[in-house]
Amino acid sequence: MDKSMIGDLDSLPEADKLRMAAMIEQLQVRDRWFIQHVVSWDNTIMTCTSYAVVEGRKE
């Protein structure tokens, strides 16, 4: 992560550094989960759309 985005963590007390690290980790986990589910949903939509197009051509 770019240090300019979060400021100077070195000046914080150790307890605050640990809290910040835990919050950042939580956000990263949430973002990874969100991205995985968006990709999964996108793949489902593409599969359904492809199936509909193929079935529509058969009729």
PDB file of N, CA and C in Angstrom:
ATOM      1  N   MET A   1       0.840  -1.170   0.000  1.00  0.00           N
ATOM      2  CA  MET A   1       0.000   0.000   0.000  1.00  0.00           C
ATOM      3  C   MET A   1       0.889   1.239   0.000  1.00  0.00           C
ATOM      4  N   ASP A   2       0.440   2.231  -0.700  1.00  0.00           N
ATOM      5  CA  ASP A   2       1.173   3.490  -0.788  1.00  0.00           C
ATOM      6  C   ASP A   2       1.137   4.197   0.562  1.00  0.00           C
ATOM      7  N   LYS A   3       2.304   4.476   1.121  1.00  0.00           N
ATOM      8  CA  LYS A   3       2.366   5.113   2.449  1.00  0.00           C
ATOM      9  C   LYS A   3       1.697   6.479   2.468  1.00  0.00           C
ATOM     10  N   SER A   4       1.696   7.182   1.354  1.00  0.00           N
ATOM     11  CA  SER A   4       1.084   8.506   1.339  1.00  0.00           C
ATOM     12  C   SER A   4      -0.430   8.432   1.526  1.00  0.00           C
ATOM     13  N   MET A   5      -1.012   7.279   1.275  1.00  0.00           N
ATOM     14  CA  MET A   5      -2.455   7.125   1.434  1.00  0.00           C
ATOM     15  C   MET A   5      -2.862   7.023   2.908  1.00  0.00           C
ATOM     16  N   ILE A   6      -2.003   6.487   3.743  1.00  0.00           N
ATOM     17  CA  ILE A   6      -2.372   6.259   5.139  1.00  0.00           C
ATOM     18  C   ILE A   6      -1.593   7.130   6.112  1.00  0.00           C
ATOM     19  N   GLY A   7      -0.722   7.940   5.617  1.00  0.00           N
ATOM     20  CA  GLY A   7       0.028   8.836   6.496  1.00  0.00           C
ATOM     21  C   GLY A   7       1.183   8.125   7.182  1.00  0.00           C
ATOM     22  N   ASP A   8       1.653   8.726   8.232  1.00  0.00           N
ATOM     23  CA  ASP A   8       2.824   8.219   8.945  1.00  0.00           C
ATOM     24  C   ASP A   8       2.382   7.335  10.109  1.00  0.00           C
ATOM     25  N   LEU A   9       2.332   6.035   9.894  1.00  0.00           N
ATOM     26  CA  LEU A   9       1.929   5.110  10.950  1.00  0.00           C
ATOM     27  C   LEU A   9       2.998   4.953  12.020  1.00  0.00           C
ATOM     28  N   ASP A  10       4.223   5.274  11.680  1.00  0.00           N
ATOM     29  CA  ASP A  10       5.317   5.111  12.638  1.00  0.00           C
ATOM     30  C   ASP A  10       5.143   5.991  13.875  1.00  0.00           C
ATOM     31  N   SER A  11       4.408   7.078  13.733  1.00  0.00           N
ATOM     32  CA  SER A  11       4.233   7.985  14.870  1.00  0.00           C
ATOM     33  C   SER A  11       3.110   7.536  15.813  1.00  0.00           C
ATOM     34  N   LEU A  12       2.342   6.514  15.418  1.00  0.00           N
ATOM     35  CA  LEU A  12       1.234   6.038  16.247  1.00  0.00           C
ATOM     36  C   LEU A  12       1.712   5.098  17.342  1.00  0.00           C
ATOM     37  N   PRO A  13       0.969   5.009  18.430  1.00  0.00           N
ATOM     38  CA  PRO A  13       1.274   4.006  19.456  1.00  0.00           C
ATOM     39  C   PRO A  13       1.083   2.595  18.888  1.00  0.00           C
ATOM     40  N   GLU A  14       1.745   1.627  19.479  1.00  0.00           N
ATOM     41  CA  GLU A  14       1.706   0.249  18.974  1.00  0.00           C
ATOM     42  C   GLU A  14       0.275  -0.312  18.918  1.00  0.00           C
ATOM     43  N   ALA A  15      -0.542  -0.007  19.913  1.00  0.00           N
ATOM     44  CA  ALA A  15      -1.928  -0.503  19.927  1.00  0.00           C
ATOM     45  C   ALA A  15      -2.712   0.026  18.723  1.00  0.00           C
ATOM     46  N   ASP A  16      -2.502   1.286  18.382  1.00  0.00           N
ATOM     47  CA  ASP A  16      -3.185   1.871  17.220  1.00  0.00           C
ATOM     48  C   ASP A  16      -2.689   1.253  15.920  1.00  0.00           C
ATOM     49  N   LYS A  17      -1.399   0.974  15.846  1.00  0.00           N
ATOM     50  CA  LYS A  17      -0.850   0.313  14.647  1.00  0.00           C
ATOM     51  C   LYS A  17      -1.505  -1.047  14.445  1.00  0.00           C
ATOM     52  N   LEU A  18      -1.666  -1.788  15.531  1.00  0.00           N
ATOM     53  CA  LEU A  18      -2.294  -3.114  15.441  1.00  0.00           C
ATOM     54  C   LEU A  18      -3.753  -3.001  15.023  1.00  0.00           C
ATOM     55  N   ARG A  19      -4.457  -2.013  15.574  1.00  0.00           N
ATOM     56  CA  ARG A  19      -5.857  -1.804  15.177  1.00  0.00           C
ATOM     57  C   ARG A  19      -5.965  -1.434  13.704  1.00  0.00           C
ATOM     58  N   MET A  20      -5.082  -0.568  13.243  1.00  0.00           N
ATOM     59  CA  MET A  20      -5.082  -0.171  11.825  1.00  0.00           C
ATOM     60  C   MET A  20      -4.804  -1.375  10.927  1.00  0.00           C
ATOM     61  N   ALA A  21      -3.832  -2.198  11.313  1.00  0.00           N
ATOM     62  CA  ALA A  21      -3.507  -3.389  10.516  1.00  0.00           C
ATOM     63  C   ALA A  21      -4.699  -4.334  10.458  1.00  0.00           C
ATOM     64  N   ALA A  22      -5.406  -4.502  11.573  1.00  0.00           N
ATOM     65  CA  ALA A  22      -6.580  -5.374  11.600  1.00  0.00           C
ATOM     66  C   ALA A  22      -7.694  -4.817  10.715  1.00  0.00           C
ATOM     67  N   MET A  23      -7.911  -3.501  10.750  1.00  0.00           N
ATOM     68  CA  MET A  23      -8.943  -2.888   9.911  1.00  0.00           C
ATOM     69  C   MET A  23      -8.603  -3.037   8.425  1.00  0.00           C
ATOM     70  N   ILE A  24      -7.346  -2.822   8.081  1.00  0.00           N
ATOM     71  CA  ILE A  24      -6.919  -2.948   6.686  1.00  0.00           C
ATOM     72  C   ILE A  24      -7.118  -4.385   6.214  1.00  0.00           C
ATOM     73  N   GLU A  25      -6.754  -5.346   7.050  1.00  0.00           N
ATOM     74  CA  GLU A  25      -6.934  -6.753   6.699  1.00  0.00           C
ATOM     75  C   GLU A  25      -8.411  -7.079   6.496  1.00  0.00           C
ATOM     76  N   GLN A  26      -9.261  -6.561   7.361  1.00  0.00           N
ATOM     77  CA  GLN A  26     -10.704  -6.781   7.238  1.00  0.00           C
ATOM     78  C   GLN A  26     -11.230  -6.239   5.914  1.00  0.00           C
ATOM     79  N   LEU A  27     -10.797  -5.054   5.551  1.00  0.00           N
ATOM     80  CA  LEU A  27     -11.230  -4.455   4.288  1.00  0.00           C
ATOM     81  C   LEU A  27     -10.741  -5.261   3.092  1.00  0.00           C
ATOM     82  N   GLN A  28      -9.517  -5.765   3.170  1.00  0.00           N
ATOM     83  CA  GLN A  28      -8.980  -6.560   2.070  1.00  0.00           C
ATOM     84  C   GLN A  28      -9.747  -7.869   1.914  1.00  0.00           C
ATOM     85  N   VAL A  29     -10.092  -8.499   3.031  1.00  0.00           N
ATOM     86  CA  VAL A  29     -10.883  -9.741   2.977  1.00  0.00           C
ATOM     87  C   VAL A  29     -12.253  -9.457   2.380  1.00  0.00           C
ATOM     88  N   ARG A  30     -12.873  -8.376   2.826  1.00  0.00           N
ATOM     89  CA  ARG A  30     -14.189  -8.017   2.289  1.00  0.00           C
ATOM     90  C   ARG A  30     -14.125  -7.759   0.781  1.00  0.00           C
ATOM     91  N   ASP A  31     -13.094  -7.047   0.346  1.00  0.00           N
ATOM     92  CA  ASP A  31     -12.948  -6.744  -1.074  1.00  0.00           C
ATOM     93  C   ASP A  31     -12.720  -8.004  -1.895  1.00  0.00           C
ATOM     94  N   ARG A  32     -11.879  -8.917  -1.387  1.00  0.00           N
ATOM     95  CA  ARG A  32     -11.647 -10.183  -2.106  1.00  0.00           C
ATOM     96  C   ARG A  32     -12.937 -10.983  -2.226  1.00  0.00           C
ATOM     97  N   TRP A  33     -13.715 -11.048  -1.133  1.00  0.00           N
ATOM     98  CA  TRP A  33     -14.981 -11.776  -1.141  1.00  0.00           C
ATOM     99  C   TRP A  33     -15.931 -11.163  -2.164  1.00  0.00           C
ATOM    100  N   PHE A  34     -16.031  -9.834  -2.172  1.00  0.00           N
ATOM    101  CA  PHE A  34     -16.915  -9.140  -3.089  1.00  0.00           C
ATOM    102  C   PHE A  34     -16.523  -9.409  -4.541  1.00  0.00           C
ATOM    103  N   ILE A  35     -15.249  -9.306  -4.839  1.00  0.00           N
ATOM    104  CA  ILE A  35     -14.773  -9.525  -6.213  1.00  0.00           C
ATOM    105  C   ILE A  35     -15.047 -10.956  -6.663  1.00  0.00           C
ATOM    106  N   GLN A  36     -14.808 -11.926  -5.799  1.00  0.00           N
ATOM    107  CA  GLN A  36     -15.066 -13.325  -6.152  1.00  0.00           C
ATOM    108  C   GLN A  36     -16.542 -13.541  -6.470  1.00  0.00           C
ATOM    109  N   HIS A  37     -17.430 -12.934  -5.710  1.00  0.00           N
ATOM    110  CA  HIS A  37     -18.855 -13.133  -5.935  1.00  0.00           C
ATOM    111  C   HIS A  37     -19.355 -12.375  -7.156  1.00  0.00           C
ATOM    112  N   VAL A  38     -18.782 -11.223  -7.433  1.00  0.00           N
ATOM    113  CA  VAL A  38     -19.156 -10.493  -8.646  1.00  0.00           C
ATOM    114  C   VAL A  38     -18.731 -11.291  -9.873  1.00  0.00           C
ATOM    115  N   VAL A  39     -17.533 -11.850  -9.865  1.00  0.00           N
ATOM    116  CA  VAL A  39     -17.053 -12.657 -10.987  1.00  0.00           C
ATOM    117  C   VAL A  39     -17.934 -13.888 -11.146  1.00  0.00           C
ATOM    118  N   SER A  40     -18.285 -14.529 -10.037  1.00  0.00           N
ATOM    119  CA  SER A  40     -19.150 -15.707 -10.092  1.00  0.00           C
ATOM    120  C   SER A  40     -20.513 -15.344 -10.676  1.00  0.00           C
ATOM    121  N   TRP A  41     -21.085 -14.231 -10.235  1.00  0.00           N
ATOM    122  CA  TRP A  41     -22.379 -13.783 -10.746  1.00  0.00           C
ATOM    123  C   TRP A  41     -22.275 -13.452 -12.236  1.00  0.00           C
ATOM    124  N   ASP A  42     -21.203 -12.804 -12.638  1.00  0.00           N
ATOM    125  CA  ASP A  42     -20.995 -12.460 -14.040  1.00  0.00           C
ATOM    126  C   ASP A  42     -20.920 -13.723 -14.897  1.00  0.00           C
ATOM    127  N   ASN A  43     -20.213 -14.751 -14.410  1.00  0.00           N
ATOM    128  CA  ASN A  43     -20.119 -16.012 -15.147  1.00  0.00           C
ATOM    129  C   ASN A  43     -21.485 -16.677 -15.271  1.00  0.00           C
ATOM    130  N   THR A  44     -22.297 -16.594 -14.231  1.00  0.00           N
ATOM    131  CA  THR A  44     -23.648 -17.168 -14.276  1.00  0.00           C
ATOM    132  C   THR A  44     -24.489 -16.463 -15.329  1.00  0.00           C
ATOM    133  N   ILE A  45     -24.429 -15.148 -15.362  1.00  0.00           N
ATOM    134  CA  ILE A  45     -25.193 -14.370 -16.341  1.00  0.00           C
ATOM    135  C   ILE A  45     -24.743 -14.720 -17.759  1.00  0.00           C
ATOM    136  N   MET A  46     -23.437 -14.821 -17.968  1.00  0.00           N
ATOM    137  CA  MET A  46     -22.924 -15.147 -19.298  1.00  0.00           C
ATOM    138  C   MET A  46     -23.370 -16.540 -19.725  1.00  0.00           C
ATOM    139  N   THR A  47     -23.354 -17.498 -18.811  1.00  0.00           N
ATOM    140  CA  THR A  47     -23.781 -18.859 -19.129  1.00  0.00           C
ATOM    141  C   THR A  47     -25.262 -18.877 -19.496  1.00  0.00           C
ATOM    142  N   CYS A  48     -26.082 -18.212 -18.712  1.00  0.00           N
ATOM    143  CA  CYS A  48     -27.522 -18.174 -18.991  1.00  0.00           C
ATOM    144  C   CYS A  48     -27.815 -17.488 -20.319  1.00  0.00           C
ATOM    145  N   THR A  49     -27.118 -16.391 -20.577  1.00  0.00           N
ATOM    146  CA  THR A  49     -27.310 -15.663 -21.829  1.00  0.00           C
ATOM    147  C   THR A  49     -26.904 -16.524 -23.018  1.00  0.00           C
ATOM    148  N   SER A  50     -25.767 -17.200 -22.916  1.00  0.00           N
ATOM    149  CA  SER A  50     -25.302 -18.068 -23.997  1.00  0.00           C
ATOM    150  C   SER A  50     -26.294 -19.193 -24.245  1.00  0.00           C
ATOM    151  N   TYR A  51     -26.812 -19.784 -23.173  1.00  0.00           N
ATOM    152  CA  TYR A  51     -27.788 -20.864 -23.293  1.00  0.00           C
ATOM    153  C   TYR A  51     -29.042 -20.358 -23.994  1.00  0.00           C
ATOM    154  N   ALA A  52     -29.508 -19.163 -23.623  1.00  0.00           N
ATOM    155  CA  ALA A  52     -30.705 -18.605 -24.227  1.00  0.00           C
ATOM    156  C   ALA A  52     -30.507 -18.336 -25.721  1.00  0.00           C
ATOM    157  N   VAL A  53     -29.332 -17.858 -26.079  1.00  0.00           N
ATOM    158  CA  VAL A  53     -29.041 -17.584 -27.490  1.00  0.00           C
ATOM    159  C   VAL A  53     -29.009 -18.886 -28.275  1.00  0.00           C
ATOM    160  N   VAL A  54     -28.346 -19.887 -27.760  1.00  0.00           N
ATOM    161  CA  VAL A  54     -28.248 -21.178 -28.460  1.00  0.00           C
ATOM    162  C   VAL A  54     -29.626 -21.805 -28.583  1.00  0.00           C
ATOM    163  N   GLU A  55     -30.408 -21.817 -27.523  1.00  0.00           N
ATOM    164  CA  GLU A  55     -31.751 -22.403 -27.565  1.00  0.00           C
ATOM    165  C   GLU A  55     -32.661 -21.604 -28.491  1.00  0.00           C
ATOM    166  N   GLY A  56     -32.462 -20.281 -28.529  1.00  0.00           N
ATOM    167  CA  GLY A  56     -33.277 -19.459 -29.421  1.00  0.00           C
ATOM    168  C   GLY A  56     -32.982 -19.750 -30.880  1.00  0.00           C
ATOM    169  N   ARG A  57     -31.755 -20.106 -31.210  1.00  0.00           N
ATOM    170  CA  ARG A  57     -31.386 -20.438 -32.589  1.00  0.00           C
ATOM    171  C   ARG A  57     -31.967 -21.777 -33.017  1.00  0.00           C
ATOM    172  N   LYS A  58     -32.172 -22.681 -32.082  1.00  0.00           N
ATOM    173  CA  LYS A  58     -32.697 -24.006 -32.401  1.00  0.00           C
ATOM    174  C   LYS A  58     -34.167 -23.950 -32.805  1.00  0.00           C
ATOM    175  N   GLU A  59     -34.883 -22.944 -32.285  1.00  0.00           N
ATOM    176  CA  GLU A  59     -36.315 -22.863 -32.564  1.00  0.00           C
ATOM    177  C   GLU A  59     -36.626 -22.218 -33.872  1.00  0.00           C
TER     178      GLU A  59
END
